Amino acid sequence: MIIAEIGMNHLGSLKIAKEYIDKLSESKVDAITFQIREKSYYNGEKKKYLLRDEDYITIAKLVKSKNKKFGVAIADENKIDFLNSIGVDFYKVIRNDITNDSLISKLLSTGKKIIVSTGLSSDADITGFVKKNKNNKSNIVLNHTQLSYDAHECNLSAIEKMKEKYSFKVSFGSHCSNKNVLYMSLCYDPSDILFYVKLDNKEKYPDDKHSILVTDAHEVTKNILELSSAVGTGNKIAMINKMEDK
């Protein structure tokens, strides 16, 4: 899947959330995600980023009406039953919650696809997670991401290494300020590609520097789909000359 992540770039506004969904419906993204952090996160100034349950009911219906899948990056396990009831298609485990056994267990009980971030995880964390969940491989995707804006720290080759070492599907989630790393990641055949979106360059969004403009989502997804075919099989074959003679 190609997944556009709104995260909390909706700024706590249902109106803005709807604007994202409407604009993303014009692109070929397969899915749209929002983010719900742990309760303690929404203290002080950050309380403004909290959407109401009624808002998520509206959002779920709108996303599905646009023929997109609806995902939630979730850190509050108390919200899972509610989210399941409104038809969430898949979940994402963020930051270092790969070691949160209670959260993981509850998510697995939904039977939905779970994309598990490895951004803050050690090799021991990932190995331990894989051993615990080897019987749930069909529902789990490990997400390679680096919590850095810098291209030189993307470490894209880790996608291939993780697939070989852990025998799980591996997706790529970009936090890089250079969107071209999304295209480069295709060389390592990630199962899914995730990128953040924002409405404009005027507002300071929670996920700002690594977000692409939502109006660019159409071009980005078009390029991802076209360039994914350029990777090929790796087998060299003879072919006719399809170039125009000079």
Protein backbone atom coordinates (compact mmCIF):
# COMPACT_ATOMS: atom_id res chain seq x y z
CA MET A 1 0.00 0.00 0.00
CA ILE A 2 0.93 3.62 -0.51
CA ILE A 3 -0.09 5.31 2.73
CA ALA A 4 -0.49 9.04 3.34
CA GLU A 5 -0.07 9.88 7.02
CA ILE A 6 -1.90 12.89 8.37
CA GLY A 7 -0.69 12.09 11.88
CA MET A 8 -1.78 15.07 13.94
CA ASN A 9 -1.28 17.58 11.15
CA HIS A 10 -5.05 18.07 11.33
CA LEU A 11 -4.30 20.37 14.31
CA GLY A 12 -7.32 19.01 16.19
CA SER A 13 -9.76 20.33 13.58
CA LEU A 14 -12.32 18.09 11.89
CA LYS A 15 -12.67 20.69 9.15
CA ILE A 16 -8.95 20.48 8.36
CA ALA A 17 -9.06 16.67 8.57
CA LYS A 18 -11.82 16.64 5.96
CA GLU A 19 -9.77 18.92 3.71
CA TYR A 20 -6.87 16.45 3.79
CA ILE A 21 -9.16 13.56 2.91
CA ASP A 22 -10.78 15.44 0.03
CA LYS A 23 -7.40 16.39 -1.44
CA LEU A 24 -5.95 12.90 -0.98
CA SER A 25 -8.97 11.38 -2.71
CA GLU A 26 -7.62 12.94 -5.92
CA SER A 27 -4.42 10.91 -5.61
CA LYS A 28 -3.68 7.21 -5.95
CA VAL A 29 -2.78 6.67 -2.29
CA ASP A 30 -4.29 3.43 -1.05
CA ALA A 31 -4.76 4.50 2.55
CA ILE A 32 -4.91 7.44 4.92
CA THR A 33 -3.81 7.35 8.56
CA PHE A 34 -4.36 9.50 11.62
CA GLN A 35 -2.46 9.28 14.91
CA ILE A 36 -3.74 8.88 18.45
CA ARG A 37 -1.07 9.19 21.12
CA GLU A 38 -1.14 8.02 24.75
CA LYS A 39 -3.37 10.04 27.11
CA SER A 40 -0.42 11.71 28.87
CA TYR A 41 0.67 13.26 25.56
CA TYR A 42 -2.35 15.55 25.38
CA ASN A 43 -1.39 17.79 28.28
CA GLY A 44 -0.96 21.55 28.12
CA GLU A 45 -0.61 22.97 24.61
CA LYS A 46 -0.84 19.57 22.93
CA LYS A 47 -4.42 19.09 24.12
CA LYS A 48 -5.47 21.04 21.03
CA TYR A 49 -4.41 18.12 18.81
CA LEU A 50 -7.04 15.78 20.28
CA LEU A 51 -9.95 14.88 18.02
CA ARG A 52 -13.22 13.63 19.53
CA ASP A 53 -14.60 10.12 19.05
CA GLU A 54 -17.45 11.65 17.02
CA ASP A 55 -14.86 13.19 14.71
CA TYR A 56 -13.27 9.80 14.07
CA ILE A 57 -16.65 8.31 13.23
CA THR A 58 -17.08 11.03 10.59
CA ILE A 59 -13.49 10.60 9.37
CA ALA A 60 -13.81 6.81 9.01
CA LYS A 61 -16.96 7.16 6.91
CA LEU A 62 -15.43 9.88 4.73
CA VAL A 63 -12.19 7.98 4.08
CA LYS A 64 -14.10 4.84 3.10
CA SER A 65 -16.46 6.84 0.88
CA LYS A 66 -13.35 7.89 -1.09
CA ASN A 67 -12.42 4.19 -1.57
CA LYS A 68 -9.35 4.53 0.62
CA LYS A 69 -8.36 2.36 3.57
CA PHE A 70 -8.48 3.95 7.01
CA GLY A 71 -5.55 3.40 9.37
CA VAL A 72 -4.69 4.66 12.83
CA ALA A 73 -1.26 4.97 14.41
CA ILE A 74 -2.23 4.12 17.96
CA ALA A 75 -0.51 4.44 21.33
CA ASP A 76 -3.60 4.37 23.58
CA GLU A 77 -4.82 0.79 23.85
CA ASN A 78 -8.04 1.97 25.52
CA LYS A 79 -9.11 3.36 22.13
CA ILE A 80 -8.72 0.10 20.21
CA ASP A 81 -12.21 -1.32 20.84
CA PHE A 82 -13.79 1.95 19.74
CA LEU A 83 -11.60 2.21 16.63
CA ASN A 84 -12.37 -1.37 15.70
CA SER A 85 -16.08 -0.64 16.00
CA ILE A 86 -15.90 2.17 13.42
CA GLY A 87 -14.09 0.02 10.87
CA VAL A 88 -10.38 0.79 11.07
CA ASP A 89 -8.67 -1.28 8.37
CA PHE A 90 -5.18 -1.44 9.86
CA TYR A 91 -3.09 -0.10 12.72
CA LYS A 92 0.39 1.31 13.12
CA VAL A 93 2.52 0.93 16.24
CA ILE A 94 4.69 4.02 16.69
CA ARG A 95 7.99 5.01 18.27
CA ASN A 96 9.23 2.38 20.76
CA ASP A 97 5.93 0.59 21.40
CA ILE A 98 7.35 -2.51 19.75
CA THR A 99 8.10 -3.55 23.35
CA ASN A 100 4.58 -2.72 24.61
CA ASP A 101 3.29 -6.29 24.87
CA SER A 102 -0.14 -5.25 26.14
CA LEU A 103 -0.76 -2.91 23.20
CA ILE A 104 0.56 -5.41 20.66
CA SER A 105 -1.56 -8.22 22.10
CA LYS A 106 -4.75 -6.16 21.94
CA LEU A 107 -4.03 -5.08 18.38
CA LEU A 108 -3.39 -8.67 17.30
CA SER A 109 -6.73 -9.70 18.79
CA THR A 110 -8.46 -7.46 16.21
CA GLY A 111 -7.17 -9.63 13.39
CA LYS A 112 -6.20 -6.50 11.45
CA LYS A 113 -2.90 -5.71 9.74
CA ILE A 114 -0.37 -4.07 12.07
CA ILE A 115 2.57 -1.98 10.85
CA VAL A 116 5.17 -1.88 13.61
CA SER A 117 7.68 0.96 13.63
CA THR A 118 11.31 0.10 14.37
CA GLY A 119 12.49 3.72 14.44
CA LEU A 120 13.64 3.69 18.06
CA SER A 121 14.23 -0.06 18.33
CA SER A 122 17.45 -1.92 18.99
CA ASP A 123 18.25 -5.17 17.25
CA ALA A 124 17.45 -6.93 20.54
CA ASP A 125 14.01 -5.25 20.63
CA ILE A 126 13.18 -6.38 17.10
CA THR A 127 14.55 -9.89 17.63
CA GLY A 128 12.51 -10.28 20.81
CA PHE A 129 9.38 -9.01 19.07
CA VAL A 130 9.85 -11.38 16.13
CA LYS A 131 10.31 -14.40 18.42
CA LYS A 132 7.16 -13.54 20.38
CA ASN A 133 5.07 -13.00 17.28
CA LYS A 134 6.39 -15.51 14.74
CA ASN A 135 2.95 -17.16 14.61
CA ASN A 136 1.33 -13.85 13.66
CA LYS A 137 3.59 -13.13 10.69
CA SER A 138 0.70 -12.82 8.25
CA ASN A 139 -0.74 -9.86 10.20
CA ILE A 140 2.47 -7.98 10.97
CA VAL A 141 4.70 -5.69 8.92
CA LEU A 142 7.93 -4.29 10.34
CA ASN A 143 8.33 -0.65 9.37
CA HIS A 144 11.84 0.60 8.71
CA THR A 145 12.15 4.27 9.52
CA GLN A 146 14.81 6.57 10.91
CA LEU A 147 13.80 9.49 13.10
CA SER A 148 15.99 11.91 11.20
CA TYR A 149 15.39 14.49 8.48
CA ASP A 150 18.79 13.78 6.87
CA ALA A 151 19.03 11.62 3.76
CA HIS A 152 22.41 10.21 4.76
CA GLU A 153 20.79 8.63 7.83
CA CYS A 154 17.91 6.90 6.00
CA ASN A 155 19.81 3.60 5.82
CA LEU A 156 17.50 2.23 3.14
CA SER A 157 19.52 -0.97 2.77
CA ALA A 158 18.16 -1.96 6.18
CA ILE A 159 14.87 -2.83 4.44
CA GLU A 160 16.52 -5.71 2.61
CA LYS A 161 18.62 -6.75 5.63
CA MET A 162 15.56 -6.83 7.90
CA LYS A 163 13.61 -8.98 5.45
CA GLU A 164 16.49 -11.46 5.30
CA LYS A 165 17.13 -11.55 9.04
CA TYR A 166 13.59 -11.57 10.43
CA SER A 167 11.59 -13.15 7.59
CA PHE A 168 8.81 -10.60 8.06
CA LYS A 169 7.45 -8.16 5.52
CA VAL A 170 9.17 -4.77 5.80
CA SER A 171 7.69 -1.40 4.85
CA PHE A 172 9.34 2.00 4.64
CA GLY A 173 8.17 5.11 6.47
CA SER A 174 9.96 8.33 5.60
CA HIS A 175 10.92 11.05 8.05
CA CYS A 176 13.41 12.53 5.60
CA SER A 177 12.95 16.09 4.37
CA ASN A 178 13.98 14.96 0.86
CA LYS A 179 11.02 13.16 -0.69
CA ASN A 180 13.25 11.50 -3.30
CA VAL A 181 14.18 8.84 -0.73
CA LEU A 182 10.66 7.47 -1.24
CA TYR A 183 11.60 6.64 -4.82
CA MET A 184 15.00 5.23 -3.81
CA SER A 185 13.34 2.89 -1.32
CA LEU A 186 11.64 1.09 -4.22
CA CYS A 187 14.96 -0.58 -5.04
CA TYR A 188 14.56 -2.56 -1.80
CA ASP A 189 10.96 -3.62 -2.52
CA PRO A 190 9.22 -2.45 0.68
CA SER A 191 5.79 -4.00 1.27
CA ASP A 192 4.29 -0.55 1.88
CA ILE A 193 5.46 3.06 1.61
CA LEU A 194 4.35 5.66 4.17
CA PHE A 195 4.82 9.42 4.00
CA TYR A 196 3.41 12.37 5.96
CA VAL A 197 1.39 15.16 4.37
CA LYS A 198 0.66 18.76 5.33
CA LEU A 199 -1.70 21.38 3.91
CA ASP A 200 0.76 24.23 3.35
CA ASN A 201 4.06 25.84 4.32
CA LYS A 202 2.41 28.61 6.35
CA GLU A 203 1.48 26.64 9.47
CA LYS A 204 3.87 24.92 11.88
CA TYR A 205 2.58 21.35 11.91
CA PRO A 206 3.46 18.63 14.47
CA ASP A 207 4.99 16.63 11.60
CA ASP A 208 6.29 19.45 9.47
CA LYS A 209 9.81 19.12 8.04
CA HIS A 210 9.29 15.56 6.80
CA SER A 211 5.79 16.12 5.36
CA ILE A 212 5.11 16.68 1.68
CA LEU A 213 2.42 19.11 0.58
CA VAL A 214 -0.88 17.29 0.24
CA THR A 215 -1.24 18.87 -3.20
CA ASP A 216 1.93 16.99 -4.23
CA ALA A 217 0.54 13.61 -3.15
CA HIS A 218 -0.88 12.91 -6.60
CA GLU A 219 2.50 13.43 -8.29
CA VAL A 220 4.37 11.46 -5.61
CA THR A 221 2.06 8.45 -5.77
CA LYS A 222 2.09 8.52 -9.56
CA ASN A 223 5.91 8.46 -9.51
CA ILE A 224 6.01 5.65 -6.94
CA LEU A 225 3.70 3.50 -9.05
CA GLU A 226 5.62 4.20 -12.26
CA LEU A 227 9.10 3.83 -10.79
CA SER A 228 8.24 0.61 -8.94
CA SER A 229 7.99 -1.07 -12.33
CA ALA A 230 11.52 0.12 -13.18
CA VAL A 231 13.06 -2.12 -10.52
CA GLY A 232 12.29 -5.24 -12.56
CA THR A 233 13.21 -8.83 -11.72
CA GLY A 234 16.98 -8.56 -11.86
CA ASN A 235 17.19 -11.15 -14.66
CA LYS A 236 18.97 -9.90 -17.76
CA ILE A 237 17.05 -10.75 -20.91
CA ALA A 238 17.51 -10.02 -24.60
CA MET A 239 15.08 -7.51 -26.05
CA ILE A 240 14.42 -5.64 -29.25
CA ASN A 241 15.58 -2.06 -29.62
CA LYS A 242 12.58 0.11 -28.73
CA MET A 243 14.45 3.40 -29.06
CA GLU A 244 14.02 5.62 -32.05
CA ASP A 245 16.87 5.34 -34.55
CA LYS A 246 19.11 8.39 -34.69
